[in-house]
N, C-alpha and C. Protein backbone atom coordinates (compact mmCIF):
# COMPACT_ATOMS: atom_id res chain seq x y z
N MET A 1 7.89 7.04 -13.15
CA MET A 1 6.67 7.77 -12.41
C MET A 1 5.87 6.73 -11.24
N THR A 2 5.28 6.61 -10.54
CA THR A 2 4.92 5.79 -9.37
C THR A 2 3.89 6.04 -9.38
N LYS A 3 3.01 4.61 -9.09
CA LYS A 3 1.75 4.91 -9.29
C LYS A 3 0.81 4.45 -8.51
N ILE A 4 0.71 4.03 -7.39
CA ILE A 4 -0.26 3.24 -6.25
C ILE A 4 -1.61 3.29 -6.55
N GLU A 5 -1.64 1.68 -5.97
CA GLU A 5 -3.59 1.24 -6.61
C GLU A 5 -3.28 0.75 -4.60
N VAL A 6 -5.25 0.62 -5.13
CA VAL A 6 -5.20 -0.09 -3.72
C VAL A 6 -6.90 -0.40 -3.53
N LYS A 7 -7.03 -1.98 -3.34
CA LYS A 7 -8.38 -2.77 -3.51
C LYS A 7 -8.05 -3.08 -2.27
N ASP A 8 -9.49 -2.65 -2.20
CA ASP A 8 -9.85 -3.44 -1.29
C ASP A 8 -11.14 -4.67 -0.78
N TYR A 9 -11.50 -5.96 -0.35
CA TYR A 9 -11.76 -7.24 -0.81
C TYR A 9 -12.83 -7.44 0.45
N GLY A 10 -12.38 -6.97 1.20
CA GLY A 10 -13.33 -6.66 2.35
C GLY A 10 -12.52 -8.07 3.78
N PHE A 11 -11.86 -8.77 2.66
CA PHE A 11 -11.14 -9.82 4.28
C PHE A 11 -9.44 -9.94 3.70
N GLN A 12 -9.50 -8.84 3.22
CA GLN A 12 -7.57 -8.19 2.99
C GLN A 12 -7.50 -7.27 1.96
N THR A 13 -6.76 -6.35 2.74
CA THR A 13 -6.64 -5.24 0.79
C THR A 13 -4.95 -5.77 0.01
N LEU A 14 -5.43 -5.15 -1.28
CA LEU A 14 -4.18 -5.10 -1.48
C LEU A 14 -3.74 -4.11 -2.31
N LEU A 15 -2.39 -3.77 -1.49
CA LEU A 15 -1.73 -2.43 -2.33
C LEU A 15 -0.68 -3.07 -3.52
N THR A 16 -0.57 -2.47 -4.23
CA THR A 16 0.47 -2.11 -5.26
C THR A 16 0.75 -1.18 -5.95
N ILE A 17 2.57 -1.22 -6.02
CA ILE A 17 3.26 0.06 -6.36
C ILE A 17 3.80 -0.65 -7.12
N TRP A 18 3.91 0.30 -7.91
CA TRP A 18 4.34 0.33 -9.80
C TRP A 18 5.00 1.31 -9.41
N THR A 19 6.79 1.08 -9.77
CA THR A 19 8.02 2.01 -9.45
C THR A 19 8.29 2.22 -11.34
N GLY A 20 8.65 3.20 -11.59
CA GLY A 20 9.80 3.29 -12.61
C GLY A 20 8.59 4.37 -14.30
N THR A 21 9.28 3.21 -15.72
CA THR A 21 8.44 3.43 -16.51
C THR A 21 8.10 2.21 -17.08
N VAL A 22 6.94 1.79 -17.50
CA VAL A 22 6.28 0.82 -18.14
C VAL A 22 7.56 -0.35 -18.86
N ARG A 23 8.30 -0.11 -19.19
CA ARG A 23 9.49 -0.71 -20.09
C ARG A 23 10.40 -1.63 -18.90
N GLY A 24 10.68 -0.40 -17.86
CA GLY A 24 12.18 -0.40 -16.48
C GLY A 24 11.72 -1.00 -15.16
N GLY A 25 9.99 -0.39 -14.87
CA GLY A 25 9.35 -0.42 -13.86
C GLY A 25 9.10 -2.09 -12.71
N ALA A 26 8.42 -2.32 -12.00
CA ALA A 26 8.90 -2.98 -11.09
C ALA A 26 6.88 -2.88 -9.84
N ALA A 27 6.82 -4.00 -9.81
CA ALA A 27 5.25 -3.59 -9.32
C ALA A 27 6.09 -4.19 -7.87
N ILE A 28 5.04 -4.26 -6.46
CA ILE A 28 5.64 -4.77 -5.82
C ILE A 28 4.19 -4.71 -5.23
N LEU A 29 3.67 -5.62 -4.74
CA LEU A 29 2.36 -6.31 -4.09
C LEU A 29 2.09 -6.47 -2.47
N VAL A 30 1.52 -5.28 -1.78
CA VAL A 30 1.36 -6.30 -0.40
C VAL A 30 0.10 -5.97 -0.34
N TYR A 31 -0.38 -7.49 0.38
CA TYR A 31 -1.47 -7.83 1.58
C TYR A 31 -1.15 -7.50 2.82
N LEU A 32 -2.51 -6.58 2.75
CA LEU A 32 -2.33 -6.20 4.33
C LEU A 32 -3.96 -6.70 4.68
N THR A 33 -3.89 -7.31 6.43
CA THR A 33 -4.83 -8.18 6.95
C THR A 33 -5.46 -6.87 7.55
N PRO A 34 -6.85 -6.69 7.92
CA PRO A 34 -7.61 -5.38 7.95
C PRO A 34 -6.76 -4.80 9.11
N LYS A 35 -7.04 -5.70 10.21
CA LYS A 35 -5.62 -4.78 11.27
C LYS A 35 -4.37 -4.30 10.60
N GLN A 36 -3.38 -4.73 9.90
CA GLN A 36 -2.86 -4.44 9.47
C GLN A 36 -3.15 -2.84 8.69
N ARG A 37 -4.32 -2.41 7.59
CA ARG A 37 -4.89 -1.74 6.88
C ARG A 37 -5.35 -1.08 7.86
N GLN A 38 -5.70 -1.11 9.10
CA GLN A 38 -5.65 0.00 10.17
C GLN A 38 -4.41 0.95 10.22
N GLN A 39 -3.60 -0.07 10.38
CA GLN A 39 -2.43 0.62 11.26
C GLN A 39 -1.44 1.21 10.31
N LEU A 40 -2.00 0.63 8.68
CA LEU A 40 -0.84 1.82 7.40
C LEU A 40 -2.08 3.02 7.68
N ILE A 41 -2.60 3.10 7.94
CA ILE A 41 -4.32 4.24 7.79
C ILE A 41 -3.14 5.38 9.47
N LYS A 42 -3.32 4.78 9.84
CA LYS A 42 -2.92 5.65 10.75
C LYS A 42 -1.50 6.14 11.44
N ALA A 43 -0.30 5.12 10.47
CA ALA A 43 0.12 5.52 10.26
C ALA A 43 0.78 6.62 9.26
N LEU A 44 0.00 6.70 8.25
CA LEU A 44 -0.08 7.57 7.70
C LEU A 44 -0.87 9.12 7.51
N GLN A 45 -1.85 9.33 8.55
CA GLN A 45 -2.55 9.81 8.94
C GLN A 45 -1.71 11.00 9.63
N ASN A 46 -1.29 10.03 10.93
CA ASN A 46 0.27 10.95 12.28
C ASN A 46 1.87 9.82 11.93
N PRO A 47 2.27 11.11 10.66
CA PRO A 47 4.13 10.36 10.25
C PRO A 47 4.90 11.34 11.52
N GLY A 48 5.69 10.15 11.91
CA GLY A 48 6.72 10.34 12.65
C GLY A 48 6.82 9.96 14.35
N HIS A 49 5.02 9.58 14.18
CA HIS A 49 4.98 8.64 15.32
C HIS A 49 4.42 7.02 15.65
N ASP A 50 5.31 6.84 16.75
CA ASP A 50 5.32 5.32 16.71
C ASP A 50 3.28 4.66 16.77
N GLN A 51 3.03 3.54 15.90
CA GLN A 51 2.05 3.40 16.04
C GLN A 51 2.36 1.56 16.95
């Protein structure tokens, strides 16, 4: 099962994605600037549109 967690630290946002199971899974850490965070929000709200 995939788990997604978002933590906002003000100056940056940490997006963590865990894939697979506890034993065989992997974690992906993505650090976003405030501008990148806004781009991600827009993309999620309007899928299929160029940002």
